[in-house]
Amino acid sequence: MLSLLEQKVVLLIEFVEKLEKNYERLKASHEALEKEIIELKAENAHFVEENEHLTTKINSLLCASEAESRELNELSQEKKYTKQVVDDLIKNIEFLVEKEMQL
């Protein structure tokens, strides 16, 4: 009977030692994961800051693009108007030349 009790105590001690090893392994894994979480949070904060910077830059570029588009439209309108004025001027000159030749 005492022998059986000794075996159970030995098994219990072995089980406790395994549990302690598992606990230490899990504790080390937990600490490594906490360290990784801290690093990932720092990396995420950096990406958030970079994203904000890029968003600001994109908005600035969009505004500049819209302004350039408006300027191009204005220049296009001015070009059409100038072409029309030049065409009218040429027609008037041709008319005057024809009138002068008839006299």
PDB file of N, CA and C in Angstrom:
ATOM      1  N   MET A   1       0.816  -1.180   0.000  1.00  0.00           N
ATOM      2  CA  MET A   1       0.000   0.000   0.000  1.00  0.00           C
ATOM      3  C   MET A   1       0.873   1.263   0.000  1.00  0.00           C
ATOM      4  N   LEU A   2       1.906   1.243   0.782  1.00  0.00           N
ATOM      5  CA  LEU A   2       2.817   2.368   0.850  1.00  0.00           C
ATOM      6  C   LEU A   2       3.519   2.557  -0.491  1.00  0.00           C
ATOM      7  N   SER A   3       3.816   1.490  -1.138  1.00  0.00           N
ATOM      8  CA  SER A   3       4.461   1.526  -2.447  1.00  0.00           C
ATOM      9  C   SER A   3       3.548   2.217  -3.458  1.00  0.00           C
ATOM     10  N   LEU A   4       2.279   1.906  -3.424  1.00  0.00           N
ATOM     11  CA  LEU A   4       1.314   2.521  -4.326  1.00  0.00           C
ATOM     12  C   LEU A   4       1.221   4.030  -4.059  1.00  0.00           C
ATOM     13  N   LEU A   5       1.228   4.389  -2.799  1.00  0.00           N
ATOM     14  CA  LEU A   5       1.178   5.796  -2.423  1.00  0.00           C
ATOM     15  C   LEU A   5       2.436   6.517  -2.890  1.00  0.00           C
ATOM     16  N   GLU A   6       3.600   5.864  -2.782  1.00  0.00           N
ATOM     17  CA  GLU A   6       4.852   6.455  -3.259  1.00  0.00           C
ATOM     18  C   GLU A   6       4.804   6.679  -4.770  1.00  0.00           C
ATOM     19  N   GLN A   7       4.265   5.729  -5.500  1.00  0.00           N
ATOM     20  CA  GLN A   7       4.144   5.855  -6.955  1.00  0.00           C
ATOM     21  C   GLN A   7       3.242   7.040  -7.328  1.00  0.00           C
ATOM     22  N   LYS A   8       2.148   7.179  -6.597  1.00  0.00           N
ATOM     23  CA  LYS A   8       1.235   8.279  -6.876  1.00  0.00           C
ATOM     24  C   LYS A   8       1.880   9.620  -6.550  1.00  0.00           C
ATOM     25  N   VAL A   9       2.658   9.678  -5.482  1.00  0.00           N
ATOM     26  CA  VAL A   9       3.356  10.908  -5.128  1.00  0.00           C
ATOM     27  C   VAL A   9       4.386  11.239  -6.199  1.00  0.00           C
ATOM     28  N   VAL A  10       5.120  10.214  -6.684  1.00  0.00           N
ATOM     29  CA  VAL A  10       6.106  10.423  -7.747  1.00  0.00           C
ATOM     30  C   VAL A  10       5.406  10.918  -9.007  1.00  0.00           C
ATOM     31  N   LEU A  11       4.298  10.323  -9.381  1.00  0.00           N
ATOM     32  CA  LEU A  11       3.538  10.752 -10.560  1.00  0.00           C
ATOM     33  C   LEU A  11       3.021  12.175 -10.374  1.00  0.00           C
ATOM     34  N   LEU A  12       2.566  12.470  -9.156  1.00  0.00           N
ATOM     35  CA  LEU A  12       2.073  13.806  -8.876  1.00  0.00           C
ATOM     36  C   LEU A  12       3.198  14.830  -8.984  1.00  0.00           C
ATOM     37  N   ILE A  13       4.368  14.507  -8.484  1.00  0.00           N
ATOM     38  CA  ILE A  13       5.522  15.407  -8.582  1.00  0.00           C
ATOM     39  C   ILE A  13       5.909  15.601 -10.045  1.00  0.00           C
ATOM     40  N   GLU A  14       5.934  14.513 -10.817  1.00  0.00           N
ATOM     41  CA  GLU A  14       6.247  14.621 -12.253  1.00  0.00           C
ATOM     42  C   GLU A  14       5.217  15.498 -12.965  1.00  0.00           C
ATOM     43  N   PHE A  15       3.952  15.336 -12.602  1.00  0.00           N
ATOM     44  CA  PHE A  15       2.895  16.137 -13.211  1.00  0.00           C
ATOM     45  C   PHE A  15       3.070  17.616 -12.868  1.00  0.00           C
ATOM     46  N   VAL A  16       3.382  17.913 -11.616  1.00  0.00           N
ATOM     47  CA  VAL A  16       3.598  19.291 -11.186  1.00  0.00           C
ATOM     48  C   VAL A  16       4.805  19.878 -11.916  1.00  0.00           C
ATOM     49  N   GLU A  17       5.878  19.106 -12.090  1.00  0.00           N
ATOM     50  CA  GLU A  17       7.063  19.581 -12.813  1.00  0.00           C
ATOM     51  C   GLU A  17       6.719  19.888 -14.271  1.00  0.00           C
ATOM     52  N   LYS A  18       5.912  19.023 -14.883  1.00  0.00           N
ATOM     53  CA  LYS A  18       5.472  19.281 -16.272  1.00  0.00           C
ATOM     54  C   LYS A  18       4.646  20.553 -16.339  1.00  0.00           C
ATOM     55  N   LEU A  19       3.771  20.716 -15.362  1.00  0.00           N
ATOM     56  CA  LEU A  19       2.948  21.923 -15.328  1.00  0.00           C
ATOM     57  C   LEU A  19       3.815  23.169 -15.170  1.00  0.00           C
ATOM     58  N   GLU A  20       4.831  23.092 -14.312  1.00  0.00           N
ATOM     59  CA  GLU A  20       5.737  24.226 -14.121  1.00  0.00           C
ATOM     60  C   GLU A  20       6.490  24.543 -15.407  1.00  0.00           C
ATOM     61  N   LYS A  21       6.956  23.504 -16.112  1.00  0.00           N
ATOM     62  CA  LYS A  21       7.655  23.719 -17.395  1.00  0.00           C
ATOM     63  C   LYS A  21       6.717  24.349 -18.418  1.00  0.00           C
ATOM     64  N   ASN A  22       5.499  23.839 -18.480  1.00  0.00           N
ATOM     65  CA  ASN A  22       4.518  24.409 -19.404  1.00  0.00           C
ATOM     66  C   ASN A  22       4.208  25.858 -19.037  1.00  0.00           C
ATOM     67  N   TYR A  23       4.079  26.113 -17.731  1.00  0.00           N
ATOM     68  CA  TYR A  23       3.823  27.471 -17.274  1.00  0.00           C
ATOM     69  C   TYR A  23       4.959  28.397 -17.687  1.00  0.00           C
ATOM     70  N   GLU A  24       6.201  27.980 -17.480  1.00  0.00           N
ATOM     71  CA  GLU A  24       7.353  28.808 -17.850  1.00  0.00           C
ATOM     72  C   GLU A  24       7.394  29.034 -19.363  1.00  0.00           C
ATOM     73  N   ARG A  25       7.097  27.981 -20.131  1.00  0.00           N
ATOM     74  CA  ARG A  25       7.079  28.108 -21.592  1.00  0.00           C
ATOM     75  C   ARG A  25       5.984  29.085 -22.024  1.00  0.00           C
ATOM     76  N   LEU A  26       4.796  28.935 -21.437  1.00  0.00           N
ATOM     77  CA  LEU A  26       3.681  29.829 -21.772  1.00  0.00           C
ATOM     78  C   LEU A  26       3.962  31.254 -21.313  1.00  0.00           C
ATOM     79  N   LYS A  27       4.614  31.395 -20.157  1.00  0.00           N
ATOM     80  CA  LYS A  27       4.953  32.726 -19.660  1.00  0.00           C
ATOM     81  C   LYS A  27       5.941  33.404 -20.606  1.00  0.00           C
ATOM     82  N   ALA A  28       6.948  32.666 -21.073  1.00  0.00           N
ATOM     83  CA  ALA A  28       7.919  33.220 -22.021  1.00  0.00           C
ATOM     84  C   ALA A  28       7.236  33.580 -23.338  1.00  0.00           C
ATOM     85  N   SER A  29       6.340  32.710 -23.782  1.00  0.00           N
ATOM     86  CA  SER A  29       5.594  32.981 -25.016  1.00  0.00           C
ATOM     87  C   SER A  29       4.721  34.218 -24.839  1.00  0.00           C
ATOM     88  N   HIS A  30       4.082  34.336 -23.698  1.00  0.00           N
ATOM     89  CA  HIS A  30       3.233  35.492 -23.398  1.00  0.00           C
ATOM     90  C   HIS A  30       4.054  36.778 -23.400  1.00  0.00           C
ATOM     91  N   GLU A  31       5.219  36.755 -22.773  1.00  0.00           N
ATOM     92  CA  GLU A  31       6.080  37.937 -22.737  1.00  0.00           C
ATOM     93  C   GLU A  31       6.549  38.316 -24.145  1.00  0.00           C
ATOM     94  N   ALA A  32       6.876  37.303 -24.957  1.00  0.00           N
ATOM     95  CA  ALA A  32       7.290  37.572 -26.339  1.00  0.00           C
ATOM     96  C   ALA A  32       6.143  38.196 -27.120  1.00  0.00           C
ATOM     97  N   LEU A  33       4.930  37.685 -26.902  1.00  0.00           N
ATOM     98  CA  LEU A  33       3.761  38.233 -27.594  1.00  0.00           C
ATOM     99  C   LEU A  33       3.458  39.656 -27.134  1.00  0.00           C
ATOM    100  N   GLU A  34       3.608  39.930 -25.859  1.00  0.00           N
ATOM    101  CA  GLU A  34       3.402  41.296 -25.370  1.00  0.00           C
ATOM    102  C   GLU A  34       4.406  42.257 -25.998  1.00  0.00           C
ATOM    103  N   LYS A  35       5.661  41.809 -26.097  1.00  0.00           N
ATOM    104  CA  LYS A  35       6.688  42.632 -26.731  1.00  0.00           C
ATOM    105  C   LYS A  35       6.336  42.887 -28.199  1.00  0.00           C
ATOM    106  N   GLU A  36       5.873  41.840 -28.876  1.00  0.00           N
ATOM    107  CA  GLU A  36       5.483  41.981 -30.290  1.00  0.00           C
ATOM    108  C   GLU A  36       4.289  42.926 -30.432  1.00  0.00           C
ATOM    109  N   ILE A  37       3.350  42.853 -29.497  1.00  0.00           N
ATOM    110  CA  ILE A  37       2.185  43.740 -29.526  1.00  0.00           C
ATOM    111  C   ILE A  37       2.633  45.193 -29.399  1.00  0.00           C
ATOM    112  N   ILE A  38       3.561  45.451 -28.492  1.00  0.00           N
ATOM    113  CA  ILE A  38       4.068  46.819 -28.311  1.00  0.00           C
ATOM    114  C   ILE A  38       4.729  47.307 -29.595  1.00  0.00           C
ATOM    115  N   GLU A  39       5.533  46.431 -30.220  1.00  0.00           N
ATOM    116  CA  GLU A  39       6.201  46.797 -31.472  1.00  0.00           C
ATOM    117  C   GLU A  39       5.179  47.048 -32.575  1.00  0.00           C
ATOM    118  N   LEU A  40       4.152  46.197 -32.643  1.00  0.00           N
ATOM    119  CA  LEU A  40       3.115  46.365 -33.671  1.00  0.00           C
ATOM    120  C   LEU A  40       2.301  47.633 -33.453  1.00  0.00           C
ATOM    121  N   LYS A  41       2.057  47.978 -32.194  1.00  0.00           N
ATOM    122  CA  LYS A  41       1.338  49.222 -31.914  1.00  0.00           C
ATOM    123  C   LYS A  41       2.156  50.426 -32.356  1.00  0.00           C
ATOM    124  N   ALA A  42       3.468  50.367 -32.098  1.00  0.00           N
ATOM    125  CA  ALA A  42       4.338  51.471 -32.533  1.00  0.00           C
ATOM    126  C   ALA A  42       4.363  51.556 -34.053  1.00  0.00           C
ATOM    127  N   GLU A  43       4.452  50.401 -34.705  1.00  0.00           N
ATOM    128  CA  GLU A  43       4.458  50.368 -36.173  1.00  0.00           C
ATOM    129  C   GLU A  43       3.133  50.886 -36.715  1.00  0.00           C
ATOM    130  N   ASN A  44       2.035  50.492 -36.071  1.00  0.00           N
ATOM    131  CA  ASN A  44       0.716  50.958 -36.497  1.00  0.00           C
ATOM    132  C   ASN A  44       0.601  52.472 -36.347  1.00  0.00           C
ATOM    133  N   ALA A  45       1.114  53.005 -35.240  1.00  0.00           N
ATOM    134  CA  ALA A  45       1.066  54.458 -35.034  1.00  0.00           C
ATOM    135  C   ALA A  45       1.852  55.164 -36.130  1.00  0.00           C
ATOM    136  N   HIS A  46       2.995  54.584 -36.500  1.00  0.00           N
ATOM    137  CA  HIS A  46       3.801  55.164 -37.586  1.00  0.00           C
ATOM    138  C   HIS A  46       3.013  55.147 -38.895  1.00  0.00           C
ATOM    139  N   PHE A  47       2.337  54.021 -39.175  1.00  0.00           N
ATOM    140  CA  PHE A  47       1.560  53.923 -40.409  1.00  0.00           C
ATOM    141  C   PHE A  47       0.376  54.882 -40.397  1.00  0.00           C
ATOM    142  N   VAL A  48      -0.252  55.070 -39.248  1.00  0.00           N
ATOM    143  CA  VAL A  48      -1.364  56.017 -39.148  1.00  0.00           C
ATOM    144  C   VAL A  48      -0.862  57.422 -39.462  1.00  0.00           C
ATOM    145  N   GLU A  49       0.295  57.769 -38.883  1.00  0.00           N
ATOM    146  CA  GLU A  49       0.878  59.093 -39.144  1.00  0.00           C
ATOM    147  C   GLU A  49       1.241  59.250 -40.619  1.00  0.00           C
ATOM    148  N   GLU A  50       1.838  58.213 -41.190  1.00  0.00           N
ATOM    149  CA  GLU A  50       2.208  58.262 -42.609  1.00  0.00           C
ATOM    150  C   GLU A  50       0.962  58.358 -43.483  1.00  0.00           C
ATOM    151  N   ASN A  51      -0.090  57.639 -43.111  1.00  0.00           N
ATOM    152  CA  ASN A  51      -1.348  57.680 -43.856  1.00  0.00           C
ATOM    153  C   ASN A  51      -1.947  59.082 -43.827  1.00  0.00           C
ATOM    154  N   GLU A  52      -1.914  59.719 -42.656  1.00  0.00           N
ATOM    155  CA  GLU A  52      -2.431  61.082 -42.546  1.00  0.00           C
ATOM    156  C   GLU A  52      -1.624  62.032 -43.433  1.00  0.00           C
ATOM    157  N   HIS A  53      -0.308  61.852 -43.425  1.00  0.00           N
ATOM    158  CA  HIS A  53       0.553  62.699 -44.256  1.00  0.00           C
ATOM    159  C   HIS A  53       0.235  62.496 -45.738  1.00  0.00           C
ATOM    160  N   LEU A  54       0.083  61.235 -46.141  1.00  0.00           N
ATOM    161  CA  LEU A  54      -0.215  60.948 -47.548  1.00  0.00           C
ATOM    162  C   LEU A  54      -1.606  61.441 -47.935  1.00  0.00           C
ATOM    163  N   THR A  55      -2.558  61.336 -47.019  1.00  0.00           N
ATOM    164  CA  THR A  55      -3.908  61.831 -47.299  1.00  0.00           C
ATOM    165  C   THR A  55      -3.881  63.343 -47.513  1.00  0.00           C
ATOM    166  N   THR A  56      -3.132  64.036 -46.663  1.00  0.00           N
ATOM    167  CA  THR A  56      -2.993  65.488 -46.813  1.00  0.00           C
ATOM    168  C   THR A  56      -2.350  65.817 -48.153  1.00  0.00           C
ATOM    169  N   LYS A  57      -1.322  65.060 -48.511  1.00  0.00           N
ATOM    170  CA  LYS A  57      -0.620  65.288 -49.776  1.00  0.00           C
ATOM    171  C   LYS A  57      -1.553  65.028 -50.963  1.00  0.00           C
ATOM    172  N   ILE A  58      -2.338  63.966 -50.884  1.00  0.00           N
ATOM    173  CA  ILE A  58      -3.279  63.640 -51.970  1.00  0.00           C
ATOM    174  C   ILE A  58      -4.314  64.752 -52.114  1.00  0.00           C
ATOM    175  N   ASN A  59      -4.844  65.221 -50.987  1.00  0.00           N
ATOM    176  CA  ASN A  59      -5.832  66.309 -51.042  1.00  0.00           C
ATOM    177  C   ASN A  59      -5.230  67.565 -51.643  1.00  0.00           C
ATOM    178  N   SER A  60      -3.987  67.843 -51.295  1.00  0.00           N
ATOM    179  CA  SER A  60      -3.299  69.006 -51.855  1.00  0.00           C
ATOM    180  C   SER A  60      -3.131  68.846 -53.364  1.00  0.00           C
ATOM    181  N   LEU A  61      -2.737  67.649 -53.782  1.00  0.00           N
ATOM    182  CA  LEU A  61      -2.566  67.392 -55.221  1.00  0.00           C
ATOM    183  C   LEU A  61      -3.898  67.479 -55.962  1.00  0.00           C
ATOM    184  N   LEU A  62      -4.964  67.002 -55.340  1.00  0.00           N
ATOM    185  CA  LEU A  62      -6.287  67.091 -55.966  1.00  0.00           C
ATOM    186  C   LEU A  62      -6.706  68.548 -56.151  1.00  0.00           C
ATOM    187  N   CYS A  63      -6.458  69.364 -55.134  1.00  0.00           N
ATOM    188  CA  CYS A  63      -6.796  70.789 -55.243  1.00  0.00           C
ATOM    189  C   CYS A  63      -5.982  71.442 -56.353  1.00  0.00           C
ATOM    190  N   ALA A  64      -4.686  71.117 -56.400  1.00  0.00           N
ATOM    191  CA  ALA A  64      -3.827  71.689 -57.443  1.00  0.00           C
ATOM    192  C   ALA A  64      -4.289  71.223 -58.821  1.00  0.00           C
ATOM    193  N   SER A  65      -4.687  69.966 -58.929  1.00  0.00           N
ATOM    194  CA  SER A  65      -5.161  69.422 -60.195  1.00  0.00           C
ATOM    195  C   SER A  65      -6.440  70.117 -60.646  1.00  0.00           C
ATOM    196  N   GLU A  66      -7.350  70.350 -59.704  1.00  0.00           N
ATOM    197  CA  GLU A  66      -8.597  71.043 -60.035  1.00  0.00           C
ATOM    198  C   GLU A  66      -8.317  72.473 -60.487  1.00  0.00           C
ATOM    199  N   ALA A  67      -7.380  73.136 -59.816  1.00  0.00           N
ATOM    200  CA  ALA A  67      -7.026  74.507 -60.193  1.00  0.00           C
ATOM    201  C   ALA A  67      -6.417  74.524 -61.596  1.00  0.00           C
ATOM    202  N   GLU A  68      -5.536  73.583 -61.877  1.00  0.00           N
ATOM    203  CA  GLU A  68      -4.933  73.511 -63.211  1.00  0.00           C
ATOM    204  C   GLU A  68      -5.978  73.199 -64.261  1.00  0.00           C
ATOM    205  N   SER A  69      -6.933  72.353 -63.928  1.00  0.00           N
ATOM    206  CA  SER A  69      -8.013  72.025 -64.862  1.00  0.00           C
ATOM    207  C   SER A  69      -8.831  73.272 -65.187  1.00  0.00           C
ATOM    208  N   ARG A  70      -9.138  74.065 -64.152  1.00  0.00           N
ATOM    209  CA  ARG A  70      -9.878  75.311 -64.391  1.00  0.00           C
ATOM    210  C   ARG A  70      -9.066  76.250 -65.279  1.00  0.00           C
ATOM    211  N   GLU A  71      -7.762  76.359 -64.999  1.00  0.00           N
ATOM    212  CA  GLU A  71      -6.908  77.223 -65.812  1.00  0.00           C
ATOM    213  C   GLU A  71      -6.870  76.751 -67.261  1.00  0.00           C
ATOM    214  N   LEU A  72      -6.794  75.436 -67.466  1.00  0.00           N
ATOM    215  CA  LEU A  72      -6.793  74.906 -68.830  1.00  0.00           C
ATOM    216  C   LEU A  72      -8.101  75.215 -69.543  1.00  0.00           C
ATOM    217  N   ASN A  73      -9.205  75.106 -68.828  1.00  0.00           N
ATOM    218  CA  ASN A  73     -10.506  75.439 -69.422  1.00  0.00           C
ATOM    219  C   ASN A  73     -10.563  76.917 -69.800  1.00  0.00           C
ATOM    220  N   GLU A  74     -10.054  77.763 -68.903  1.00  0.00           N
ATOM    221  CA  GLU A  74     -10.037  79.201 -69.203  1.00  0.00           C
ATOM    222  C   GLU A  74      -9.159  79.493 -70.411  1.00  0.00           C
ATOM    223  N   LEU A  75      -7.992  78.856 -70.463  1.00  0.00           N
ATOM    224  CA  LEU A  75      -7.101  79.059 -71.607  1.00  0.00           C
ATOM    225  C   LEU A  75      -7.733  78.555 -72.904  1.00  0.00           C
ATOM    226  N   SER A  76      -8.445  77.455 -72.801  1.00  0.00           N
ATOM    227  CA  SER A  76      -9.126  76.918 -73.982  1.00  0.00           C
ATOM    228  C   SER A  76     -10.187  77.901 -74.475  1.00  0.00           C
ATOM    229  N   GLN A  77     -10.951  78.473 -73.535  1.00  0.00           N
ATOM    230  CA  GLN A  77     -11.957  79.454 -73.904  1.00  0.00           C
ATOM    231  C   GLN A  77     -11.309  80.695 -74.536  1.00  0.00           C
ATOM    232  N   GLU A  78     -10.203  81.151 -73.924  1.00  0.00           N
ATOM    233  CA  GLU A  78      -9.497  82.304 -74.480  1.00  0.00           C
ATOM    234  C   GLU A  78      -8.958  81.999 -75.874  1.00  0.00           C
ATOM    235  N   LYS A  79      -8.486  80.779 -76.063  1.00  0.00           N
ATOM    236  CA  LYS A  79      -7.968  80.381 -77.385  1.00  0.00           C
ATOM    237  C   LYS A  79      -9.092  80.410 -78.419  1.00  0.00           C
ATOM    238  N   LYS A  80     -10.257  79.886 -78.053  1.00  0.00           N
ATOM    239  CA  LYS A  80     -11.405  79.906 -78.974  1.00  0.00           C
ATOM    240  C   LYS A  80     -11.793  81.347 -79.303  1.00  0.00           C
ATOM    241  N   TYR A  81     -11.852  82.170 -78.272  1.00  0.00           N
ATOM    242  CA  TYR A  81     -12.234  83.563 -78.480  1.00  0.00           C
ATOM    243  C   TYR A  81     -11.206  84.267 -79.373  1.00  0.00           C
ATOM    244  N   THR A  82      -9.926  84.059 -79.096  1.00  0.00           N
ATOM    245  CA  THR A  82      -8.870  84.682 -79.904  1.00  0.00           C
ATOM    246  C   THR A  82      -8.942  84.213 -81.347  1.00  0.00           C
ATOM    247  N   LYS A  83      -9.175  82.917 -81.563  1.00  0.00           N
ATOM    248  CA  LYS A  83      -9.292  82.382 -82.929  1.00  0.00           C
ATOM    249  C   LYS A  83     -10.473  83.029 -83.651  1.00  0.00           C
ATOM    250  N   GLN A  84     -11.567  83.172 -82.925  1.00  0.00           N
ATOM    251  CA  GLN A  84     -12.750  83.795 -83.526  1.00  0.00           C
ATOM    252  C   GLN A  84     -12.457  85.253 -83.893  1.00  0.00           C
ATOM    253  N   VAL A  85     -11.792  85.987 -83.021  1.00  0.00           N
ATOM    254  CA  VAL A  85     -11.458  87.386 -83.289  1.00  0.00           C
ATOM    255  C   VAL A  85     -10.525  87.478 -84.491  1.00  0.00           C
ATOM    256  N   VAL A  86      -9.516  86.581 -84.542  1.00  0.00           N
ATOM    257  CA  VAL A  86      -8.569  86.591 -85.671  1.00  0.00           C
ATOM    258  C   VAL A  86      -9.296  86.246 -86.965  1.00  0.00           C
ATOM    259  N   ASP A  87     -10.173  85.262 -86.933  1.00  0.00           N
ATOM    260  CA  ASP A  87     -10.950  84.905 -88.134  1.00  0.00           C
ATOM    261  C   ASP A  87     -11.803  86.094 -88.609  1.00  0.00           C
ATOM    262  N   ASP A  88     -12.460  86.750 -87.660  1.00  0.00           N
ATOM    263  CA  ASP A  88     -13.264  87.932 -88.023  1.00  0.00           C
ATOM    264  C   ASP A  88     -12.387  89.034 -88.601  1.00  0.00           C
ATOM    265  N   LEU A  89     -11.220  89.225 -88.019  1.00  0.00           N
ATOM    266  CA  LEU A  89     -10.294  90.243 -88.518  1.00  0.00           C
ATOM    267  C   LEU A  89      -9.851  89.916 -89.948  1.00  0.00           C
ATOM    268  N   ILE A  90      -9.526  88.661 -90.188  1.00  0.00           N
ATOM    269  CA  ILE A  90      -9.113  88.249 -91.539  1.00  0.00           C
ATOM    270  C   ILE A  90     -10.256  88.478 -92.528  1.00  0.00           C
ATOM    271  N   LYS A  91     -11.468  88.130 -92.148  1.00  0.00           N
ATOM    272  CA  LYS A  91     -12.617  88.329 -93.023  1.00  0.00           C
ATOM    273  C   LYS A  91     -12.809  89.817 -93.317  1.00  0.00           C
ATOM    274  N   ASN A  92     -12.670  90.647 -92.310  1.00  0.00           N
ATOM    275  CA  ASN A  92     -12.823  92.097 -92.508  1.00  0.00           C
ATOM    276  C   ASN A  92     -11.729  92.632 -93.428  1.00  0.00           C
ATOM    277  N   ILE A  93     -10.491  92.131 -93.228  1.00  0.00           N
ATOM    278  CA  ILE A  93      -9.400  92.579 -94.102  1.00  0.00           C
ATOM    279  C   ILE A  93      -9.662  92.146 -95.543  1.00  0.00           C
ATOM    280  N   GLU A  94     -10.099  90.903 -95.737  1.00  0.00           N
ATOM    281  CA  GLU A  94     -10.405  90.411 -97.087  1.00  0.00           C
ATOM    282  C   GLU A  94     -11.526  91.246 -97.707  1.00  0.00           C
ATOM    283  N   PHE A  95     -12.526  91.557 -96.919  1.00  0.00           N
ATOM    284  CA  PHE A  95     -13.632  92.365 -97.417  1.00  0.00           C
ATOM    285  C   PHE A  95     -13.135  93.747 -97.851  1.00  0.00           C
ATOM    286  N   LEU A  96     -12.281  94.356 -97.011  1.00  0.00           N
ATOM    287  CA  LEU A  96     -11.748  95.680 -97.348  1.00  0.00           C
ATOM    288  C   LEU A  96     -10.862  95.624 -98.593  1.00  0.00           C
ATOM    289  N   VAL A  97     -10.065  94.558 -98.696  1.00  0.00           N
ATOM    290  CA  VAL A  97      -9.202  94.416 -99.880  1.00  0.00           C
ATOM    291  C   VAL A  97     -10.056  94.262-101.121  1.00  0.00           C
ATOM    292  N   GLU A  98     -11.087  93.458-101.061  1.00  0.00           N
ATOM    293  CA  GLU A  98     -11.979  93.288-102.205  1.00  0.00           C
ATOM    294  C   GLU A  98     -12.672  94.599-102.562  1.00  0.00           C
ATOM    295  N   LYS A  99     -13.093  95.340-101.553  1.00  0.00           N
ATOM    296  CA  LYS A  99     -13.760  96.610-101.783  1.00  0.00           C
ATOM    297  C   LYS A  99     -12.806  97.602-102.440  1.00  0.00           C
ATOM    298  N   GLU A 100     -11.567  97.619-101.982  1.00  0.00           N
ATOM    299  CA  GLU A 100     -10.553  98.519-102.546  1.00  0.00           C
ATOM    300  C   GLU A 100     -10.261  98.126-104.004  1.00  0.00           C
ATOM    301  N   MET A 101     -10.240  96.843-104.287  1.00  0.00           N
ATOM    302  CA  MET A 101      -9.946  96.407-105.650  1.00  0.00           C
ATOM    303  C   MET A 101     -11.084  96.747-106.599  1.00  0.00           C
ATOM    304  N   GLN A 102     -12.276  96.811-106.088  1.00  0.00           N
ATOM    305  CA  GLN A 102     -13.424  97.140-106.932  1.00  0.00           C
ATOM    306  C   GLN A 102     -13.452  98.623-107.265  1.00  0.00           C
ATOM    307  N   LEU A 103     -12.817  99.412-106.478  1.00  0.00           N
ATOM    308  CA  LEU A 103     -12.837 100.862-106.728  1.00  0.00           C
ATOM    309  C   LEU A 103     -11.852 101.218-107.718  1.00  0.00           C
TER     310      LEU A 103
END
